[in-house]
Amino acid sequence: MIAVRVIPRAGKSGLAGRRGDAYVVRVTAPPVEGAANAELVEVLAEALGVPRRQVAIVGGERSRQKSVRVSGIDAATLQSRLTAS
């Protein structure tokens, strides 16, 4: 499980480094009707090289600070792919 800080309505989607213990992810979608959450899942899946179905928001669905679970990938690979992106 990883901590993610989401910045909606950004100019460009993608990973934007770290803030404290959370990874910062910018998404162009607004935080309305789950659009930002859906785009967050897409951005993380692409960055990690896994299918979208393996990325799930497990906490903070209505908050900027979220907990995300990624299945099918070990913790070391997860960390290295997030820092390389």
Protein backbone atom coordinates (compact mmCIF):
# COMPACT_ATOMS: atom_id res chain seq x y z
CA MET A 1 0.00 0.00 0.00
CA ILE A 2 1.25 3.48 -0.85
CA ALA A 3 0.25 6.96 0.27
CA VAL A 4 -0.70 9.33 -2.54
CA ARG A 5 -1.42 13.06 -2.55
CA VAL A 6 -3.58 13.99 -5.55
CA ILE A 7 -3.58 17.43 -7.18
CA PRO A 8 -6.69 17.71 -9.39
CA ARG A 9 -7.16 20.14 -12.28
CA ALA A 10 -3.43 20.18 -13.03
CA GLY A 11 -2.13 21.30 -16.40
CA LYS A 12 -0.59 17.89 -17.09
CA SER A 13 -1.12 14.43 -15.57
CA GLY A 14 1.73 12.44 -14.08
CA LEU A 15 3.90 11.73 -11.07
CA ALA A 16 5.34 14.82 -9.42
CA GLY A 17 7.76 13.48 -6.82
CA ARG A 18 7.17 13.09 -3.10
CA ARG A 19 5.79 15.22 -0.31
CA GLY A 20 6.63 13.72 3.06
CA ASP A 21 5.82 10.02 2.90
CA ALA A 22 3.29 10.40 0.05
CA TYR A 23 3.81 10.34 -3.70
CA VAL A 24 2.36 13.40 -5.45
CA VAL A 25 0.26 12.68 -8.52
CA ARG A 26 -1.14 15.44 -10.72
CA VAL A 27 -4.33 14.76 -12.69
CA THR A 28 -6.09 17.01 -15.18
CA ALA A 29 -9.57 15.81 -14.18
CA PRO A 30 -11.66 17.77 -11.67
CA PRO A 31 -12.59 16.13 -8.35
CA VAL A 32 -16.19 15.57 -9.48
CA GLU A 33 -18.08 12.27 -9.79
CA GLY A 34 -14.94 10.17 -9.40
CA ALA A 35 -13.19 11.61 -12.45
CA ALA A 36 -9.98 12.45 -10.59
CA ASN A 37 -9.93 9.02 -8.91
CA ALA A 38 -10.34 7.26 -12.25
CA GLU A 39 -7.52 9.28 -13.77
CA LEU A 40 -5.34 8.62 -10.70
CA VAL A 41 -5.75 4.87 -11.23
CA GLU A 42 -4.84 5.26 -14.91
CA VAL A 43 -1.74 7.37 -14.19
CA LEU A 44 -0.46 4.97 -11.52
CA ALA A 45 -1.15 1.88 -13.63
CA GLU A 46 0.75 3.37 -16.56
CA ALA A 47 3.69 4.49 -14.39
CA LEU A 48 3.92 1.07 -12.74
CA GLY A 49 3.38 -0.95 -15.89
CA VAL A 50 0.39 -2.89 -14.53
CA PRO A 51 -3.24 -3.19 -15.68
CA ARG A 52 -5.72 -0.71 -14.16
CA ARG A 53 -7.57 -3.53 -12.40
CA GLN A 54 -4.49 -4.09 -10.19
CA VAL A 55 -4.61 -0.53 -8.80
CA ALA A 56 -7.28 0.19 -6.17
CA ILE A 57 -7.99 3.19 -3.95
CA VAL A 58 -8.56 1.72 -0.49
CA GLY A 59 -8.74 4.87 1.61
CA GLY A 60 -9.45 8.56 1.20
CA GLU A 61 -11.67 8.26 -1.84
CA ARG A 62 -13.13 11.74 -1.21
CA SER A 63 -9.86 13.31 -0.02
CA ARG A 64 -6.66 14.51 -1.68
CA GLN A 65 -4.68 12.17 0.58
CA LYS A 66 -5.34 8.57 -0.49
CA SER A 67 -4.16 5.05 0.26
CA VAL A 68 -3.66 2.97 -2.86
CA ARG A 69 -3.09 -0.77 -3.09
CA VAL A 70 -1.27 -2.23 -6.08
CA SER A 71 -1.48 -5.99 -6.50
CA GLY A 72 0.73 -8.23 -8.60
CA ILE A 73 3.94 -6.28 -7.93
CA ASP A 74 6.38 -6.51 -5.02
CA ALA A 75 7.22 -3.54 -2.81
CA ALA A 76 10.79 -3.09 -4.08
CA THR A 77 9.69 -3.01 -7.72
CA LEU A 78 6.84 -0.65 -6.84
CA GLN A 79 9.22 1.82 -5.14
CA SER A 80 11.79 1.69 -7.93
CA ARG A 81 9.18 2.27 -10.67
CA LEU A 82 7.61 5.21 -8.82
CA THR A 83 10.95 6.91 -8.24
CA ALA A 84 12.11 6.27 -11.83
CA SER A 85 8.98 7.90 -13.33
